[in-house]
Amino acid sequence: MRTTRTLRRNNVALQYAVPRRGVPGAASLRAWARAAGTLPVTIRIVGRAEGRRLNCQYRKKDYATNVLSFPYGRAGDIVVCHPVVVREAREQGKTVRAHYAHLVMHGMLHLRGLRHGKRMEAREIGLLRRFGFRNPYTLESAEPE
């Protein structure tokens, strides 16, 4: 699918290569990204085919993954694969919105140089809590009622 026009505001550009139905709103995506870092970023929401192609090309893994981060200079790109996010959210018993928030923040932290580990997880948990989301690393990770 072609990309719809890029929507840029406050150093966060959004690109949609899938229909926006089921994708959290632009204001939320931007707020989650800005909470985790202030560098200029493009968040691209893609389908399974593009997610798989990028993961294969850059990570040599032949499947679509949930999020990819591409740093360059003092900016970067975050690619979120919508069908994978929806499937994982269902499997993990959390809302799509909560999973998107986690993955956008996760991608931003990678762009800032953080690597997987306890420090990154603690940062994510704290950031998500500010938006009312529960710990994504526990079984009890759905949004509070």
Protein backbone atom coordinates (compact mmCIF):
# COMPACT_ATOMS: atom_id res chain seq x y z
CA MET A 1 0.00 0.00 0.00
CA ARG A 2 1.21 3.49 -0.67
CA THR A 3 2.04 5.83 2.12
CA THR A 4 -0.51 8.49 2.86
CA ARG A 5 0.95 11.95 3.19
CA THR A 6 3.36 12.50 6.03
CA LEU A 7 1.80 14.33 8.96
CA ARG A 8 4.52 16.27 10.82
CA ARG A 9 4.11 18.15 14.08
CA ASN A 10 6.48 18.83 16.99
CA ASN A 11 9.39 16.84 15.51
CA VAL A 12 7.23 13.73 15.11
CA ALA A 13 6.16 12.77 11.59
CA LEU A 14 3.58 10.06 11.03
CA GLN A 15 3.26 7.88 7.94
CA TYR A 16 0.52 5.34 7.38
CA ALA A 17 1.05 2.48 4.92
CA VAL A 18 -2.11 0.77 6.23
CA PRO A 19 -5.63 2.09 6.81
CA ARG A 20 -5.78 4.05 10.07
CA ARG A 21 -8.68 1.97 11.41
CA GLY A 22 -7.56 0.49 14.73
CA VAL A 23 -4.39 2.59 14.93
CA PRO A 24 -4.25 4.97 17.92
CA GLY A 25 -4.71 8.64 17.07
CA ALA A 26 -1.90 10.89 15.92
CA ALA A 27 -1.91 12.94 19.14
CA SER A 28 -1.37 9.80 21.22
CA LEU A 29 1.41 8.46 19.00
CA ARG A 30 3.18 11.82 19.20
CA ALA A 31 2.74 12.14 22.96
CA TRP A 32 4.16 8.64 23.56
CA ALA A 33 7.15 9.35 21.32
CA ARG A 34 7.87 12.73 22.92
CA ALA A 35 7.62 11.27 26.41
CA ALA A 36 10.49 8.91 25.60
CA GLY A 37 12.68 11.43 23.78
CA THR A 38 12.77 14.74 21.98
CA LEU A 39 14.74 13.87 18.87
CA PRO A 40 13.06 14.26 15.48
CA VAL A 41 11.42 10.99 14.48
CA THR A 42 9.20 9.52 11.80
CA ILE A 43 6.79 6.83 12.94
CA ARG A 44 5.67 4.64 10.04
CA ILE A 45 2.75 2.25 10.52
CA VAL A 46 3.09 -0.66 8.10
CA GLY A 47 1.44 -3.93 7.10
CA ARG A 48 2.83 -7.43 7.41
CA ALA A 49 4.59 -7.52 4.00
CA GLU A 50 6.56 -4.31 4.55
CA GLY A 51 7.34 -5.26 8.15
CA ARG A 52 8.69 -8.62 6.99
CA ARG A 53 10.72 -7.08 4.16
CA LEU A 54 12.37 -4.53 6.45
CA ASN A 55 13.08 -7.08 9.19
CA CYS A 56 14.60 -9.44 6.60
CA GLN A 57 16.66 -6.69 4.97
CA TYR A 58 18.04 -5.11 8.14
CA ARG A 59 17.98 -7.89 10.73
CA LYS A 60 18.15 -10.99 8.49
CA LYS A 61 14.96 -12.34 10.14
CA ASP A 62 12.33 -13.56 7.69
CA TYR A 63 9.16 -12.52 9.53
CA ALA A 64 7.31 -9.34 10.39
CA THR A 65 8.25 -8.02 13.81
CA ASN A 66 6.34 -5.56 15.98
CA VAL A 67 8.74 -2.59 15.94
CA LEU A 68 11.99 -1.60 14.27
CA SER A 69 14.13 1.45 15.05
CA PHE A 70 16.50 3.10 12.61
CA PRO A 71 18.72 5.81 14.13
CA TYR A 72 20.50 8.32 11.93
CA GLY A 73 22.39 11.26 13.32
CA ARG A 74 20.25 13.04 15.89
CA ALA A 75 17.02 11.67 14.44
CA GLY A 76 15.48 8.36 13.50
CA ASP A 77 12.64 6.26 12.17
CA ILE A 78 10.37 3.88 14.02
CA VAL A 79 8.45 1.29 12.01
CA VAL A 80 5.47 -0.35 13.72
CA CYS A 81 3.80 -3.35 12.07
CA HIS A 82 0.09 -2.97 12.78
CA PRO A 83 -1.04 -6.59 12.21
CA VAL A 84 1.70 -7.89 14.52
CA VAL A 85 0.79 -5.35 17.22
CA VAL A 86 -2.88 -6.37 17.04
CA ARG A 87 -2.03 -10.10 17.23
CA GLU A 88 0.42 -9.67 20.10
CA ALA A 89 -1.96 -7.47 22.08
CA ARG A 90 -4.65 -10.13 21.80
CA GLU A 91 -2.22 -12.92 22.77
CA GLN A 92 -0.87 -10.92 25.72
CA GLY A 93 -4.28 -9.84 27.02
CA LYS A 94 -3.67 -6.12 26.61
CA THR A 95 -5.30 -3.42 24.55
CA VAL A 96 -3.91 -2.47 21.15
CA ARG A 97 -3.53 1.06 22.49
CA ALA A 98 -1.40 -0.11 25.45
CA HIS A 99 0.79 -2.20 23.16
CA TYR A 100 1.27 0.68 20.71
CA ALA A 101 2.25 3.00 23.56
CA HIS A 102 4.83 0.50 24.76
CA LEU A 103 6.30 -0.13 21.31
CA VAL A 104 6.53 3.55 20.33
CA MET A 105 8.32 4.32 23.60
CA HIS A 106 10.50 1.21 23.18
CA GLY A 107 11.50 2.36 19.70
CA MET A 108 12.30 5.88 20.92
CA LEU A 109 14.48 4.54 23.73
CA HIS A 110 16.42 2.48 21.19
CA LEU A 111 16.92 5.61 19.09
CA ARG A 112 18.35 7.25 22.20
CA GLY A 113 20.88 4.43 22.51
CA LEU A 114 19.30 2.25 25.18
CA ARG A 115 19.57 -1.52 24.77
CA HIS A 116 17.35 -4.30 26.07
CA GLY A 117 17.77 -4.97 29.76
CA LYS A 118 16.50 -4.06 33.20
CA ARG A 119 17.38 -0.37 32.82
CA MET A 120 15.37 -0.03 29.62
CA GLU A 121 12.46 -2.00 31.06
CA ALA A 122 12.36 0.21 34.15
CA ARG A 123 12.34 3.31 31.94
CA GLU A 124 9.48 1.91 29.86
CA ILE A 125 7.44 0.95 32.93
CA GLY A 126 7.81 4.45 34.38
CA LEU A 127 6.90 6.17 31.12
CA LEU A 128 3.88 3.96 30.56
CA ARG A 129 2.67 4.52 34.11
CA ARG A 130 2.55 8.29 33.39
CA PHE A 131 -0.08 7.54 30.72
CA GLY A 132 -2.05 5.17 32.92
CA PHE A 133 -0.74 1.94 31.41
CA ARG A 134 0.33 -1.02 33.50
CA ASN A 135 3.65 -2.84 33.42
CA PRO A 136 3.94 -4.51 29.98
CA TYR A 137 6.28 -7.17 31.36
CA THR A 138 3.74 -8.74 33.70
CA LEU A 139 0.67 -10.84 32.94
CA GLU A 140 -1.45 -8.02 34.33
CA SER A 141 -0.66 -5.56 31.54
CA ALA A 142 -4.05 -4.35 30.33
CA GLU A 143 -5.10 -0.73 30.77
CA PRO A 144 -6.68 0.08 34.12
CA GLU A 145 -10.46 0.31 34.11
